[in-house]
Protein backbone atom coordinates (compact mmCIF):
# COMPACT_ATOMS: atom_id res chain seq x y z
CA UNK A 1 48.97 44.27 46.35
CA UNK A 2 50.15 47.84 46.97
CA UNK A 3 51.45 50.60 44.70
CA UNK A 4 54.98 51.86 44.90
CA UNK A 5 55.30 55.58 46.18
CA UNK A 6 58.67 56.35 45.16
CA UNK A 7 60.26 58.90 42.86
CA UNK A 8 63.34 58.92 40.60
CA UNK A 9 66.36 60.52 42.51
CA UNK A 10 66.91 64.34 42.23
CA UNK A 11 69.07 65.03 39.11
CA UNK A 12 68.41 61.66 37.36
CA UNK A 13 69.13 62.08 33.46
CA UNK A 14 67.35 59.70 31.04
CA UNK A 15 69.87 57.66 28.94
CA UNK A 16 67.48 55.14 27.17
CA UNK A 17 64.36 53.08 26.91
CA UNK A 18 63.08 49.86 25.66
CA UNK A 19 60.53 49.98 22.89
CA UNK A 20 56.92 49.92 23.85
CA UNK A 21 55.85 46.39 24.62
CA UNK A 22 52.73 44.34 25.27
CA UNK A 23 51.79 41.01 26.65
CA UNK A 24 52.87 39.33 23.27
CA UNK A 25 56.09 41.51 22.66
CA UNK A 26 57.42 41.67 26.05
CA UNK A 27 61.15 40.94 26.22
CA UNK A 28 61.12 37.55 27.91
CA UNK A 29 64.27 37.99 30.08
CA UNK A 30 62.39 40.58 32.15
CA UNK A 31 59.65 37.97 33.02
CA UNK A 32 62.49 36.27 34.95
CA UNK A 33 65.09 37.25 37.85
CA UNK A 34 67.28 40.04 36.34
CA UNK A 35 68.65 43.45 36.89
CA UNK A 36 68.71 47.07 35.58
CA UNK A 37 71.64 48.06 33.38
CA UNK A 38 74.78 48.57 35.08
CA UNK A 39 74.62 51.69 37.33
CA UNK A 40 71.22 52.64 36.21
CA UNK A 41 67.69 53.06 37.63
CA UNK A 42 64.91 51.60 35.57
CA UNK A 43 61.36 53.11 35.43
CA UNK A 44 58.44 51.06 34.37
CA UNK A 45 56.11 53.28 32.68
CA UNK A 46 52.44 51.76 31.77
CA UNK A 47 50.51 53.30 28.97
CA UNK A 48 47.67 50.87 29.13
CA UNK A 49 46.46 48.23 31.56
CA UNK A 50 48.59 47.01 34.51
CA UNK A 51 51.38 44.66 35.25
CA UNK A 52 52.79 43.29 38.56
CA UNK A 53 56.38 43.83 39.76
CA UNK A 54 58.25 41.79 42.28
CA UNK A 55 61.70 42.26 43.89
CA UNK A 56 63.51 38.98 44.39
CA UNK A 57 64.46 39.60 48.00
CA UNK A 58 60.60 40.28 48.92
CA UNK A 59 58.59 38.09 46.55
CA UNK A 60 55.44 38.37 48.76
CA UNK A 61 55.16 41.95 48.40
CA UNK A 62 53.86 42.19 44.85
CA UNK A 63 53.70 45.82 43.47
CA UNK A 64 51.02 46.82 41.13
CA UNK A 65 52.11 49.07 38.13
CA UNK A 66 49.56 51.13 36.03
CA UNK A 67 49.41 54.44 34.18
CA UNK A 68 49.30 56.40 37.35
CA UNK A 69 51.73 54.47 39.45
CA UNK A 70 55.00 53.78 37.56
CA UNK A 71 57.78 51.68 39.20
CA UNK A 72 61.18 52.97 39.99
CA UNK A 73 63.62 50.02 40.00
CA UNK A 74 66.73 50.56 42.08
CA UNK A 75 70.26 49.76 40.73
CA UNK A 76 71.92 46.25 41.63
CA UNK A 77 68.46 44.81 43.00
CA UNK A 78 67.00 41.73 41.46
CA UNK A 79 63.51 41.78 40.23
CA UNK A 80 61.00 40.72 37.56
CA UNK A 81 57.63 41.56 36.11
CA UNK A 82 54.41 39.42 35.84
CA UNK A 83 52.06 40.03 32.90
CA UNK A 84 48.42 39.43 34.08
CA UNK A 85 46.41 40.73 30.94
CA UNK A 86 46.41 43.22 28.10
CA UNK A 87 49.36 45.97 28.85
CA UNK A 88 51.50 48.35 26.93
CA UNK A 89 54.40 49.49 28.79
CA UNK A 90 58.20 50.50 28.41
CA UNK A 91 61.28 50.68 30.82
CA UNK A 92 63.07 54.06 30.83
CA UNK A 93 66.66 54.07 32.22
CA UNK A 94 68.26 56.91 34.23
CA UNK A 95 71.73 57.65 35.38
CA UNK A 96 72.44 59.39 38.69
CA UNK A 97 75.70 60.86 39.31
CA UNK A 98 76.26 59.37 43.03
CA UNK A 99 75.93 55.59 41.95
CA UNK A 100 79.14 53.65 42.31
CA UNK A 101 80.19 50.84 40.24
CA UNK A 102 81.86 49.07 42.89
CA UNK A 103 79.51 46.27 43.81
CA UNK A 104 78.16 45.29 40.39
CA UNK A 105 76.98 41.60 40.00
CA UNK A 106 78.75 40.82 36.82
CA UNK A 107 76.80 37.48 36.69
CA UNK A 108 73.30 39.00 36.34
CA UNK A 109 71.13 39.11 33.39
CA UNK A 110 70.58 42.88 32.26
CA UNK A 111 68.23 42.74 29.35
CA UNK A 112 67.91 46.65 29.43
CA UNK A 113 71.75 47.08 28.62
CA UNK A 114 70.99 47.09 24.79
CA UNK A 115 68.82 50.42 25.30
CA UNK A 116 71.26 52.38 27.03
CA UNK A 117 73.37 55.09 25.48
């Protein structure tokens, strides 16, 4: 396992976030294949403990996410999280000017949509 060393794009503007979740209150859809809200970046922020993050197109490369190593979620890329123990985290959502809505997967589960302004 490794950490992701990626930053949000320059000019990213926060447009929402989930409530703080833990291993018991986690939104169940994020434990399965899903995408970030339409045209938005996600940003997984862990406040306590750690979790694992998996891109569906590269399931062997499991990323570790902890307080010092957040995860940047690229728009229109399937992923899921794995809860491995006690954890407190949230997902923030960001809009970036140059994201096109042309190639949206309209069939995708997008549990974060309800938290975006």
